[in-house]
């Protein structure tokens, strides 16, 4: 069982999904009573907060996954999470600085 979990591909998938889920979790806890999900996403775009919110989701969400994989000795999965974090960081830099 451990060998199936310990793969770079699974870590990459988890690293790509966890930030999106963490942003949705913040919406569900804090903003669901006030606005719809579409309004929430539109307000992020209008106020140009999407890169900051995505960065917070990436770094805080993936750091938990990364250290959880390291602690349980799933180093290949941790490598995938790190790869996803680097990919997200490049995307954030492109959106933020227009490279």
Protein backbone atom coordinates (compact mmCIF):
# COMPACT_ATOMS: atom_id res chain seq x y z
CA UNK A 1 0.00 0.00 0.00
CA UNK A 2 2.81 2.39 0.86
CA UNK A 3 4.42 1.86 -2.54
CA UNK A 4 1.26 2.99 -4.37
CA UNK A 5 1.02 6.15 -2.31
CA UNK A 6 4.72 6.89 -2.60
CA UNK A 7 4.82 8.12 -6.20
CA UNK A 8 5.79 11.43 -7.69
CA UNK A 9 2.66 11.47 -9.86
CA UNK A 10 0.32 11.12 -6.89
CA UNK A 11 2.26 13.82 -5.04
CA UNK A 12 1.96 16.11 -8.06
CA UNK A 13 -1.79 15.55 -8.27
CA UNK A 14 -2.20 16.19 -4.55
CA UNK A 15 0.03 19.26 -4.83
CA UNK A 16 -2.13 20.64 -7.62
CA UNK A 17 -5.46 19.95 -5.90
CA UNK A 18 -4.74 20.95 -2.29
CA UNK A 19 -4.36 24.71 -2.99
CA UNK A 20 -7.63 24.81 -4.90
CA UNK A 21 -9.37 22.91 -2.12
CA UNK A 22 -7.90 25.21 0.52
CA UNK A 23 -9.18 28.30 -1.33
CA UNK A 24 -12.61 26.68 -1.60
CA UNK A 25 -12.48 25.82 2.11
CA UNK A 26 -11.78 29.46 3.00
CA UNK A 27 -14.73 30.49 0.83
CA UNK A 28 -17.01 27.88 2.43
CA UNK A 29 -16.08 28.86 5.98
CA UNK A 30 -15.85 32.64 5.66
CA UNK A 31 -17.77 33.89 2.62
CA UNK A 32 -20.49 31.38 1.74
CA UNK A 33 -23.17 33.19 3.75
CA UNK A 34 -22.35 36.54 2.13
CA UNK A 35 -21.86 35.70 -1.55
CA UNK A 36 -21.95 32.94 -4.12
CA UNK A 37 -18.81 31.20 -5.34
CA UNK A 38 -19.05 32.98 -8.68
CA UNK A 39 -19.26 36.37 -6.95
CA UNK A 40 -16.31 35.43 -4.73
CA UNK A 41 -14.14 34.53 -7.72
CA UNK A 42 -15.25 37.65 -9.61
CA UNK A 43 -14.37 39.85 -6.65
CA UNK A 44 -10.90 38.29 -6.54
CA UNK A 45 -10.41 39.18 -10.19
CA UNK A 46 -11.86 42.70 -9.88
CA UNK A 47 -9.75 43.59 -6.85
CA UNK A 48 -6.69 41.85 -8.34
CA UNK A 49 -6.29 39.57 -5.32
CA UNK A 50 -6.25 36.29 -7.23
CA UNK A 51 -2.45 35.92 -7.23
CA UNK A 52 -2.20 36.65 -3.51
CA UNK A 53 -5.00 34.25 -2.60
CA UNK A 54 -3.58 31.56 -4.88
CA UNK A 55 -0.11 32.04 -3.37
CA UNK A 56 -1.49 31.66 0.15
CA UNK A 57 -3.37 28.54 -0.88
CA UNK A 58 -0.31 27.07 -2.53
CA UNK A 59 2.20 27.76 0.18
CA UNK A 60 0.11 26.98 3.24
CA UNK A 61 -1.76 24.05 1.69
CA UNK A 62 1.24 22.41 0.10
CA UNK A 63 3.54 22.93 3.07
CA UNK A 64 1.21 20.80 5.18
CA UNK A 65 1.12 18.09 2.51
CA UNK A 66 4.88 18.26 1.98
CA UNK A 67 5.78 17.87 5.64
CA UNK A 68 3.15 15.18 6.13
CA UNK A 69 4.74 13.16 3.34
CA UNK A 70 8.23 13.79 4.74
CA UNK A 71 7.14 12.73 8.25
CA UNK A 72 5.59 9.49 6.97
CA UNK A 73 8.69 8.75 4.83
CA UNK A 74 6.89 9.12 1.49
CA UNK A 75 9.72 11.00 -0.17
CA UNK A 76 8.63 10.52 -3.79
CA UNK A 77 5.18 11.94 -3.02
CA UNK A 78 6.86 14.87 -1.24
CA UNK A 79 8.90 15.42 -4.39
CA UNK A 80 5.67 15.64 -6.41
CA UNK A 81 4.20 18.19 -4.00
CA UNK A 82 7.39 20.23 -4.28
CA UNK A 83 7.17 20.06 -8.08
CA UNK A 84 3.55 21.27 -7.97
CA UNK A 85 4.57 24.14 -5.69
CA UNK A 86 7.29 25.18 -8.13
CA UNK A 87 4.85 25.02 -11.06
CA UNK A 88 2.29 27.12 -9.17
CA UNK A 89 5.03 29.60 -8.25
CA UNK A 90 5.95 30.03 -11.91
CA UNK A 91 2.31 30.57 -12.84
CA UNK A 92 1.91 33.13 -10.05
CA UNK A 93 5.02 34.98 -11.22
CA UNK A 94 3.71 35.11 -14.78
CA UNK A 95 0.33 36.49 -13.66
CA UNK A 96 1.80 38.89 -11.16
CA UNK A 97 4.71 40.33 -13.11
CA UNK A 98 3.64 39.60 -16.69
CA UNK A 99 6.81 37.78 -17.65
